[in-house]
PDB file of all heavy atoms in Angstrom:
ATOM      1  N   ILE A   1     122.650 127.140  92.841  1.00  0.00           N
ATOM      2  CA  ILE A   1     123.311 126.224  91.907  1.00  0.00           C
ATOM      3  C   ILE A   1     124.313 126.979  91.025  1.00  0.00           C
ATOM      4  O   ILE A   1     125.423 126.511  90.784  1.00  0.00           O
ATOM      5  CB  ILE A   1     122.251 125.499  91.047  1.00  0.00           C
ATOM      6  CG1 ILE A   1     121.420 124.550  91.909  1.00  0.00           C
ATOM      7  CG2 ILE A   1     122.927 124.730  89.905  1.00  0.00           C
ATOM      8  CD1 ILE A   1     120.258 123.919  91.173  1.00  0.00           C
ATOM      9  N   VAL A   2     123.880 128.149  90.573  1.00  0.00           N
ATOM     10  CA  VAL A   2     124.781 128.938  89.717  1.00  0.00           C
ATOM     11  C   VAL A   2     126.044 129.333  90.489  1.00  0.00           C
ATOM     12  O   VAL A   2     127.169 129.244  89.973  1.00  0.00           O
ATOM     13  CB  VAL A   2     124.047 130.183  89.187  1.00  0.00           C
ATOM     14  CG1 VAL A   2     125.045 131.128  88.493  1.00  0.00           C
ATOM     15  CG2 VAL A   2     122.946 129.791  88.223  1.00  0.00           C
ATOM     16  N   ILE A   3     125.865 129.755  91.745  1.00  0.00           N
ATOM     17  CA  ILE A   3     127.022 130.128  92.560  1.00  0.00           C
ATOM     18  C   ILE A   3     127.925 128.920  92.802  1.00  0.00           C
ATOM     19  O   ILE A   3     129.161 129.021  92.729  1.00  0.00           O
ATOM     20  CB  ILE A   3     126.551 130.733  93.895  1.00  0.00           C
ATOM     21  CG1 ILE A   3     125.834 132.075  93.637  1.00  0.00           C
ATOM     22  CG2 ILE A   3     127.739 130.937  94.832  1.00  0.00           C
ATOM     23  CD1 ILE A   3     125.233 132.672  94.896  1.00  0.00           C
ATOM     24  N   ALA A   4     127.313 127.767  93.067  1.00  0.00           N
ATOM     25  CA  ALA A   4     128.102 126.553  93.312  1.00  0.00           C
ATOM     26  C   ALA A   4     128.888 126.151  92.068  1.00  0.00           C
ATOM     27  O   ALA A   4     130.066 125.761  92.140  1.00  0.00           O
ATOM     28  CB  ALA A   4     127.191 125.421  93.762  1.00  0.00           C
ATOM     29  N   VAL A   5     128.226 126.260  90.900  1.00  0.00           N
ATOM     30  CA  VAL A   5     128.914 125.925  89.644  1.00  0.00           C
ATOM     31  C   VAL A   5     130.060 126.894  89.389  1.00  0.00           C
ATOM     32  O   VAL A   5     131.149 126.490  88.952  1.00  0.00           O
ATOM     33  CB  VAL A   5     127.905 125.926  88.477  1.00  0.00           C
ATOM     34  CG1 VAL A   5     128.638 125.802  87.149  1.00  0.00           C
ATOM     35  CG2 VAL A   5     126.908 124.794  88.629  1.00  0.00           C
ATOM     36  N   ALA A   6     129.856 128.175  89.659  1.00  0.00           N
ATOM     37  CA  ALA A   6     130.923 129.163  89.444  1.00  0.00           C
ATOM     38  C   ALA A   6     132.101 128.903  90.368  1.00  0.00           C
ATOM     39  O   ALA A   6     133.269 128.997  89.960  1.00  0.00           O
ATOM     40  CB  ALA A   6     130.362 130.575  89.671  1.00  0.00           C
ATOM     41  N   ILE A   7     131.776 128.558  91.637  1.00  0.00           N
ATOM     42  CA  ILE A   7     132.858 128.270  92.583  1.00  0.00           C
ATOM     43  C   ILE A   7     133.612 127.018  92.160  1.00  0.00           C
ATOM     44  O   ILE A   7     134.847 126.965  92.193  1.00  0.00           O
ATOM     45  CB  ILE A   7     132.288 128.112  94.000  1.00  0.00           C
ATOM     46  CG1 ILE A   7     131.747 129.458  94.507  1.00  0.00           C
ATOM     47  CG2 ILE A   7     133.363 127.593  94.948  1.00  0.00           C
ATOM     48  CD1 ILE A   7     131.057 129.370  95.851  1.00  0.00           C
ATOM     49  N   LEU A   8     132.861 125.996  91.719  1.00  0.00           N
ATOM     50  CA  LEU A   8     133.513 124.754  91.288  1.00  0.00           C
ATOM     51  C   LEU A   8     134.357 124.991  90.042  1.00  0.00           C
ATOM     52  O   LEU A   8     135.460 124.458  89.913  1.00  0.00           O
ATOM     53  CB  LEU A   8     132.449 123.687  91.025  1.00  0.00           C
ATOM     54  CG  LEU A   8     132.975 122.312  90.584  1.00  0.00           C
ATOM     55  CD1 LEU A   8     133.867 121.721  91.661  1.00  0.00           C
ATOM     56  CD2 LEU A   8     131.814 121.375  90.267  1.00  0.00           C
ATOM     57  N   ALA A   9     133.855 125.829  89.120  1.00  0.00           N
ATOM     58  CA  ALA A   9     134.598 126.104  87.891  1.00  0.00           C
ATOM     59  C   ALA A   9     135.899 126.850  88.191  1.00  0.00           C
ATOM     60  O   ALA A   9     136.936 126.590  87.569  1.00  0.00           O
ATOM     61  CB  ALA A   9     133.730 126.908  86.929  1.00  0.00           C
ATOM     62  N   SER A  10     135.830 127.782  89.147  1.00  0.00           N
ATOM     63  CA  SER A  10     137.045 128.509  89.504  1.00  0.00           C
ATOM     64  C   SER A  10     138.018 127.651  90.292  1.00  0.00           C
ATOM     65  O   SER A  10     139.205 127.958  90.357  1.00  0.00           O
ATOM     66  CB  SER A  10     136.683 129.762  90.312  1.00  0.00           C
ATOM     67  OG  SER A  10     136.052 129.388  91.538  1.00  0.00           O
ATOM     68  N   ALA A  11     137.521 126.577  90.896  1.00  0.00           N
ATOM     69  CA  ALA A  11     138.398 125.705  91.679  1.00  0.00           C
ATOM     70  C   ALA A  11     139.140 124.695  90.814  1.00  0.00           C
ATOM     71  O   ALA A  11     140.167 124.156  91.215  1.00  0.00           O
ATOM     72  CB  ALA A  11     137.600 124.979  92.754  1.00  0.00           C
ATOM     73  N   VAL A  12     138.590 124.438  89.629  1.00  0.00           N
ATOM     74  CA  VAL A  12     139.192 123.443  88.734  1.00  0.00           C
ATOM     75  C   VAL A  12     140.193 124.126  87.812  1.00  0.00           C
ATOM     76  O   VAL A  12     139.864 125.114  87.136  1.00  0.00           O
ATOM     77  CB  VAL A  12     138.113 122.722  87.917  1.00  0.00           C
ATOM     78  CG1 VAL A  12     138.759 121.765  86.921  1.00  0.00           C
ATOM     79  CG2 VAL A  12     137.164 121.973  88.832  1.00  0.00           C
ATOM     80  N   ASN A  13     141.409 123.600  87.782  1.00  0.00           N
ATOM     81  CA  ASN A  13     142.471 124.106  86.906  1.00  0.00           C
ATOM     82  C   ASN A  13     143.167 122.933  86.235  1.00  0.00           C
ATOM     83  O   ASN A  13     143.410 121.894  86.877  1.00  0.00           O
ATOM     84  CB  ASN A  13     143.501 124.921  87.685  1.00  0.00           C
ATOM     85  CG  ASN A  13     142.918 126.189  88.288  1.00  0.00           C
ATOM     86  OD1 ASN A  13     142.918 127.239  87.669  1.00  0.00           O
ATOM     87  ND2 ASN A  13     142.402 126.081  89.509  1.00  0.00           N
ATOM     88  N   ILE A  14     143.474 123.103  84.973  1.00  0.00           N
ATOM     89  CA  ILE A  14     144.161 122.062  84.209  1.00  0.00           C
ATOM     90  C   ILE A  14     145.498 122.626  83.736  1.00  0.00           C
ATOM     91  O   ILE A  14     145.538 123.659  83.057  1.00  0.00           O
ATOM     92  CB  ILE A  14     143.318 121.594  83.012  1.00  0.00           C
ATOM     93  CG1 ILE A  14     141.998 120.979  83.501  1.00  0.00           C
ATOM     94  CG2 ILE A  14     144.096 120.591  82.175  1.00  0.00           C
ATOM     95  CD1 ILE A  14     141.071 120.568  82.379  1.00  0.00           C
ATOM     96  N   LEU A  15     146.567 121.957  84.111  1.00  0.00           N
ATOM     97  CA  LEU A  15     147.916 122.370  83.724  1.00  0.00           C
ATOM     98  C   LEU A  15     148.450 121.430  82.652  1.00  0.00           C
ATOM     99  O   LEU A  15     148.320 120.207  82.761  1.00  0.00           O
ATOM    100  CB  LEU A  15     148.852 122.365  84.942  1.00  0.00           C
ATOM    101  CG  LEU A  15     148.486 123.316  86.084  1.00  0.00           C
ATOM    102  CD1 LEU A  15     149.491 123.169  87.221  1.00  0.00           C
ATOM    103  CD2 LEU A  15     148.441 124.744  85.614  1.00  0.00           C
ATOM    104  N   ARG A  16     149.081 122.023  81.636  1.00  0.00           N
ATOM    105  CA  ARG A  16     149.680 121.213  80.566  1.00  0.00           C
ATOM    106  C   ARG A  16     150.960 120.544  81.071  1.00  0.00           C
ATOM    107  O   ARG A  16     151.458 120.849  82.138  1.00  0.00           O
ATOM    108  CB  ARG A  16     149.980 122.103  79.356  1.00  0.00           C
ATOM    109  CG  ARG A  16     148.740 122.716  78.734  1.00  0.00           C
ATOM    110  CD  ARG A  16     149.112 123.591  77.546  1.00  0.00           C
ATOM    111  NE  ARG A  16     147.953 124.179  76.900  1.00  0.00           N
ATOM    112  CZ  ARG A  16     147.397 125.331  77.256  1.00  0.00           C
ATOM    113  NH1 ARG A  16     147.934 126.042  78.264  1.00  0.00           N
ATOM    114  NH2 ARG A  16     146.332 125.798  76.625  1.00  0.00           N
ATOM    115  N   GLU A  17     151.483 119.665  80.225  1.00  0.00           N
ATOM    116  CA  GLU A  17     152.657 118.888  80.624  1.00  0.00           C
ATOM    117  C   GLU A  17     153.851 119.776  80.945  1.00  0.00           C
ATOM    118  O   GLU A  17     154.665 119.457  81.828  1.00  0.00           O
ATOM    119  CB  GLU A  17     153.030 117.914  79.500  1.00  0.00           C
ATOM    120  CG  GLU A  17     154.208 117.002  79.806  1.00  0.00           C
ATOM    121  CD  GLU A  17     153.915 116.042  80.950  1.00  0.00           C
ATOM    122  OE1 GLU A  17     152.754 115.642  81.109  1.00  0.00           O
ATOM    123  OE2 GLU A  17     154.863 115.700  81.690  1.00  0.00           O
ATOM    124  N   TYR A  18     153.995 120.893  80.246  1.00  0.00           N
ATOM    125  CA  TYR A  18     155.144 121.778  80.445  1.00  0.00           C
ATOM    126  C   TYR A  18     154.857 122.887  81.456  1.00  0.00           C
ATOM    127  O   TYR A  18     155.666 123.805  81.585  1.00  0.00           O
ATOM    128  CB  TYR A  18     155.572 122.397  79.112  1.00  0.00           C
ATOM    129  CG  TYR A  18     154.464 123.123  78.379  1.00  0.00           C
ATOM    130  CD1 TYR A  18     154.125 124.432  78.699  1.00  0.00           C
ATOM    131  CD2 TYR A  18     153.751 122.481  77.368  1.00  0.00           C
ATOM    132  CE1 TYR A  18     153.114 125.099  78.038  1.00  0.00           C
ATOM    133  CE2 TYR A  18     152.741 123.139  76.704  1.00  0.00           C
ATOM    134  CZ  TYR A  18     152.428 124.440  77.031  1.00  0.00           C
ATOM    135  OH  TYR A  18     151.416 125.099  76.371  1.00  0.00           O
ATOM    136  N   GLU A  19     153.729 122.829  82.159  1.00  0.00           N
ATOM    137  CA  GLU A  19     153.372 123.861  83.120  1.00  0.00           C
ATOM    138  C   GLU A  19     153.367 123.310  84.545  1.00  0.00           C
ATOM    139  O   GLU A  19     153.097 122.119  84.766  1.00  0.00           O
ATOM    140  CB  GLU A  19     151.985 124.444  82.811  1.00  0.00           C
ATOM    141  CG  GLU A  19     151.914 125.252  81.548  1.00  0.00           C
ATOM    142  CD  GLU A  19     150.518 125.798  81.310  1.00  0.00           C
ATOM    143  OE1 GLU A  19     149.531 125.111  81.657  1.00  0.00           O
ATOM    144  OE2 GLU A  19     150.407 126.909  80.761  1.00  0.00           O
ATOM    145  N   ARG A  20     153.680 124.196  85.478  1.00  0.00           N
ATOM    146  CA  ARG A  20     153.571 123.873  86.906  1.00  0.00           C
ATOM    147  C   ARG A  20     152.840 125.031  87.580  1.00  0.00           C
ATOM    148  O   ARG A  20     152.911 126.177  87.128  1.00  0.00           O
ATOM    149  CB  ARG A  20     154.943 123.671  87.545  1.00  0.00           C
ATOM    150  CG  ARG A  20     155.737 122.513  86.992  1.00  0.00           C
ATOM    151  CD  ARG A  20     155.080 121.172  87.272  1.00  0.00           C
ATOM    152  NE  ARG A  20     155.909 120.075  86.782  1.00  0.00           N
ATOM    153  CZ  ARG A  20     155.831 119.572  85.563  1.00  0.00           C
ATOM    154  NH1 ARG A  20     154.965 120.084  84.687  1.00  0.00           N
ATOM    155  NH2 ARG A  20     156.613 118.571  85.196  1.00  0.00           N
ATOM    156  N   GLY A  21     152.145 124.698  88.668  1.00  0.00           N
ATOM    157  CA  GLY A  21     151.402 125.714  89.405  1.00  0.00           C
ATOM    158  C   GLY A  21     151.991 125.933  90.789  1.00  0.00           C
ATOM    159  O   GLY A  21     152.108 124.991  91.578  1.00  0.00           O
ATOM    160  N   VAL A  22     152.368 127.156  91.094  1.00  0.00           N
ATOM    161  CA  VAL A  22     152.865 127.522  92.420  1.00  0.00           C
ATOM    162  C   VAL A  22     151.657 127.967  93.242  1.00  0.00           C
ATOM    163  O   VAL A  22     151.022 128.981  92.925  1.00  0.00           O
ATOM    164  CB  VAL A  22     153.918 128.633  92.332  1.00  0.00           C
ATOM    165  CG1 VAL A  22     154.444 128.979  93.722  1.00  0.00           C
ATOM    166  CG2 VAL A  22     155.071 128.218  91.412  1.00  0.00           C
ATOM    167  N   VAL A  23     151.316 127.199  94.280  1.00  0.00           N
ATOM    168  CA  VAL A  23     150.079 127.402  95.037  1.00  0.00           C
ATOM    169  C   VAL A  23     150.375 128.155  96.330  1.00  0.00           C
ATOM    170  O   VAL A  23     151.322 127.829  97.066  1.00  0.00           O
ATOM    171  CB  VAL A  23     149.404 126.046  95.349  1.00  0.00           C
ATOM    172  CG1 VAL A  23     148.123 126.266  96.149  1.00  0.00           C
ATOM    173  CG2 VAL A  23     149.106 125.299  94.056  1.00  0.00           C
ATOM    174  N   PHE A  24     149.541 129.178  96.597  1.00  0.00           N
ATOM    175  CA  PHE A  24     149.606 129.947  97.835  1.00  0.00           C
ATOM    176  C   PHE A  24     148.270 129.796  98.559  1.00  0.00           C
ATOM    177  O   PHE A  24     147.214 129.990  97.955  1.00  0.00           O
ATOM    178  CB  PHE A  24     149.888 131.425  97.554  1.00  0.00           C
ATOM    179  CG  PHE A  24     151.215 131.684  96.922  1.00  0.00           C
ATOM    180  CD1 PHE A  24     151.364 131.676  95.542  1.00  0.00           C
ATOM    181  CD2 PHE A  24     152.322 131.939  97.716  1.00  0.00           C
ATOM    182  CE1 PHE A  24     152.587 131.908  94.971  1.00  0.00           C
ATOM    183  CE2 PHE A  24     153.560 132.174  97.141  1.00  0.00           C
ATOM    184  CZ  PHE A  24     153.693 132.160  95.762  1.00  0.00           C
ATOM    185  N   THR A  25     148.339 129.441  99.845  1.00  0.00           N
ATOM    186  CA  THR A  25     147.140 129.334 100.672  1.00  0.00           C
ATOM    187  C   THR A  25     147.159 130.443 101.703  1.00  0.00           C
ATOM    188  O   THR A  25     148.055 130.501 102.551  1.00  0.00           O
ATOM    189  CB  THR A  25     147.087 127.968 101.369  1.00  0.00           C
ATOM    190  OG1 THR A  25     147.130 126.932 100.377  1.00  0.00           O
ATOM    191  CG2 THR A  25     145.811 127.828 102.195  1.00  0.00           C
ATOM    192  N   LEU A  26     146.167 131.339 101.575  1.00  0.00           N
ATOM    193  CA  LEU A  26     146.104 132.515 102.429  1.00  0.00           C
ATOM    194  C   LEU A  26     147.422 133.294 102.409  1.00  0.00           C
ATOM    195  O   LEU A  26     147.900 133.794 103.421  1.00  0.00           O
ATOM    196  CB  LEU A  26     145.739 132.128 103.867  1.00  0.00           C
ATOM    197  CG  LEU A  26     144.347 131.497 104.049  1.00  0.00           C
ATOM    198  CD1 LEU A  26     144.135 131.085 105.499  1.00  0.00           C
ATOM    199  CD2 LEU A  26     143.254 132.448 103.600  1.00  0.00           C
ATOM    200  N   GLY A  27     148.007 133.350 101.214  1.00  0.00           N
ATOM    201  CA  GLY A  27     149.216 134.123 101.015  1.00  0.00           C
ATOM    202  C   GLY A  27     150.506 133.389 101.304  1.00  0.00           C
ATOM    203  O   GLY A  27     151.586 133.930 101.030  1.00  0.00           O
ATOM    204  N   ARG A  28     150.423 132.186 101.825  1.00  0.00           N
ATOM    205  CA  ARG A  28     151.640 131.436 102.142  1.00  0.00           C
ATOM    206  C   ARG A  28     151.857 130.333 101.113  1.00  0.00           C
ATOM    207  O   ARG A  28     150.908 129.675 100.675  1.00  0.00           O
ATOM    208  CB  ARG A  28     151.549 130.822 103.550  1.00  0.00           C
ATOM    209  CG  ARG A  28     151.442 131.848 104.670  1.00  0.00           C
ATOM    210  CD  ARG A  28     151.435 131.170 106.033  1.00  0.00           C
ATOM    211  NE  ARG A  28     152.693 130.461 106.277  1.00  0.00           N
ATOM    212  CZ  ARG A  28     153.779 131.031 106.780  1.00  0.00           C
ATOM    213  NH1 ARG A  28     153.764 132.327 107.102  1.00  0.00           N
ATOM    214  NH2 ARG A  28     154.878 130.339 106.980  1.00  0.00           N
ATOM    215  N   PHE A  29     153.136 130.135 100.770  1.00  0.00           N
ATOM    216  CA  PHE A  29     153.479 129.105  99.793  1.00  0.00           C
ATOM    217  C   PHE A  29     153.209 127.725 100.370  1.00  0.00           C
ATOM    218  O   PHE A  29     153.680 127.382 101.454  1.00  0.00           O
ATOM    219  CB  PHE A  29     154.954 129.234  99.401  1.00  0.00           C
ATOM    220  CG  PHE A  29     155.475 128.096  98.575  1.00  0.00           C
ATOM    221  CD1 PHE A  29     155.065 127.929  97.269  1.00  0.00           C
ATOM    222  CD2 PHE A  29     156.375 127.181  99.116  1.00  0.00           C
ATOM    223  CE1 PHE A  29     155.538 126.873  96.507  1.00  0.00           C
ATOM    224  CE2 PHE A  29     156.867 126.136  98.357  1.00  0.00           C
ATOM    225  CZ  PHE A  29     156.450 125.981  97.052  1.00  0.00           C
ATOM    226  N   THR A  30     152.438 126.929  99.632  1.00  0.00           N
ATOM    227  CA  THR A  30     152.070 125.588 100.116  1.00  0.00           C
ATOM    228  C   THR A  30     152.496 124.474  99.171  1.00  0.00           C
ATOM    229  O   THR A  30     152.225 123.312  99.461  1.00  0.00           O
ATOM    230  CB  THR A  30     150.558 125.499 100.352  1.00  0.00           C
ATOM    231  OG1 THR A  30     149.860 125.883  99.154  1.00  0.00           O
ATOM    232  CG2 THR A  30     150.147 126.392 101.509  1.00  0.00           C
ATOM    233  N   GLY A  31     153.140 124.787  98.051  1.00  0.00           N
ATOM    234  CA  GLY A  31     153.635 123.712  97.201  1.00  0.00           C
ATOM    235  C   GLY A  31     153.513 124.012  95.730  1.00  0.00           C
ATOM    236  O   GLY A  31     152.934 125.021  95.312  1.00  0.00           O
ATOM    237  N   VAL A  32     154.099 123.094  94.945  1.00  0.00           N
ATOM    238  CA  VAL A  32     154.057 123.172  93.484  1.00  0.00           C
ATOM    239  C   VAL A  32     153.249 121.989  92.979  1.00  0.00           C
ATOM    240  O   VAL A  32     153.506 120.840  93.353  1.00  0.00           O
ATOM    241  CB  VAL A  32     155.474 123.162  92.881  1.00  0.00           C
ATOM    242  CG1 VAL A  32     155.414 123.195  91.364  1.00  0.00           C
ATOM    243  CG2 VAL A  32     156.285 124.338  93.401  1.00  0.00           C
ATOM    244  N   LYS A  33     152.265 122.244  92.125  1.00  0.00           N
ATOM    245  CA  LYS A  33     151.386 121.181  91.626  1.00  0.00           C
ATOM    246  C   LYS A  33     151.429 121.130  90.112  1.00  0.00           C
ATOM    247  O   LYS A  33     151.774 122.102  89.442  1.00  0.00           O
ATOM    248  CB  LYS A  33     149.953 121.410  92.111  1.00  0.00           C
ATOM    249  CG  LYS A  33     149.780 121.379  93.623  1.00  0.00           C
ATOM    250  CD  LYS A  33     148.335 121.540  94.020  1.00  0.00           C
ATOM    251  CE  LYS A  33     148.159 121.509  95.532  1.00  0.00           C
ATOM    252  NZ  LYS A  33     148.523 120.202  96.112  1.00  0.00           N
ATOM    253  N   GLY A  34     151.027 119.973  89.588  1.00  0.00           N
ATOM    254  CA  GLY A  34     150.920 119.789  88.145  1.00  0.00           C
ATOM    255  C   GLY A  34     151.946 118.795  87.625  1.00  0.00           C
ATOM    256  O   GLY A  34     152.849 118.373  88.354  1.00  0.00           O
ATOM    257  N   PRO A  35     151.748 118.409  86.370  1.00  0.00           N
ATOM    258  CA  PRO A  35     150.662 118.804  85.452  1.00  0.00           C
ATOM    259  C   PRO A  35     149.397 117.984  85.680  1.00  0.00           C
ATOM    260  O   PRO A  35     149.392 117.060  86.493  1.00  0.00           O
ATOM    261  CB  PRO A  35     151.277 118.504  84.087  1.00  0.00           C
ATOM    262  CG  PRO A  35     152.174 117.323  84.344  1.00  0.00           C
ATOM    263  CD  PRO A  35     152.740 117.528  85.721  1.00  0.00           C
ATOM    264  N   GLY A  36     148.325 118.335  84.948  1.00  0.00           N
ATOM    265  CA  GLY A  36     147.063 117.619  85.072  1.00  0.00           C
ATOM    266  C   GLY A  36     145.989 118.466  85.730  1.00  0.00           C
ATOM    267  O   GLY A  36     146.002 119.695  85.666  1.00  0.00           O
ATOM    268  N   LEU A  37     145.033 117.777  86.382  1.00  0.00           N
ATOM    269  CA  LEU A  37     143.892 118.435  87.021  1.00  0.00           C
ATOM    270  C   LEU A  37     144.274 118.891  88.429  1.00  0.00           C
ATOM    271  O   LEU A  37     144.731 118.098  89.245  1.00  0.00           O
ATOM    272  CB  LEU A  37     142.703 117.463  87.092  1.00  0.00           C
ATOM    273  CG  LEU A  37     141.437 117.984  87.769  1.00  0.00           C
ATOM    274  CD1 LEU A  37     140.860 119.152  86.985  1.00  0.00           C
ATOM    275  CD2 LEU A  37     140.416 116.864  87.910  1.00  0.00           C
ATOM    276  N   ILE A  38     144.027 120.159  88.707  1.00  0.00           N
ATOM    277  CA  ILE A  38     144.352 120.751  90.004  1.00  0.00           C
ATOM    278  C   ILE A  38     143.076 121.361  90.585  1.00  0.00           C
ATOM    279  O   ILE A  38     142.386 122.143  89.913  1.00  0.00           O
ATOM    280  CB  ILE A  38     145.442 121.839  89.882  1.00  0.00           C
ATOM    281  CG1 ILE A  38     146.666 121.294  89.148  1.00  0.00           C
ATOM    282  CG2 ILE A  38     145.836 122.358  91.248  1.00  0.00           C
ATOM    283  CD1 ILE A  38     147.339 120.143  89.837  1.00  0.00           C
ATOM    284  N   LEU A  39     142.760 121.031  91.829  1.00  0.00           N
ATOM    285  CA  LEU A  39     141.596 121.590  92.518  1.00  0.00           C
ATOM    286  C   LEU A  39     142.076 122.543  93.605  1.00  0.00           C
ATOM    287  O   LEU A  39     142.918 122.175  94.437  1.00  0.00           O
ATOM    288  CB  LEU A  39     140.748 120.476  93.133  1.00  0.00           C
ATOM    289  CG  LEU A  39     140.111 119.485  92.145  1.00  0.00           C
ATOM    290  CD1 LEU A  39     139.362 118.389  92.893  1.00  0.00           C
ATOM    291  CD2 LEU A  39     139.171 120.214  91.188  1.00  0.00           C
TER     292      LEU A  39
END
């Protein structure tokens, strides 16, 4: 349970209105996300 909670906590990201997230999947660019809740 502790490991699952830690993984879930690291998977959840919250971006402010003036922020954007540049996402890389296995090192490759996969898109820009935000603002709001990002998994």
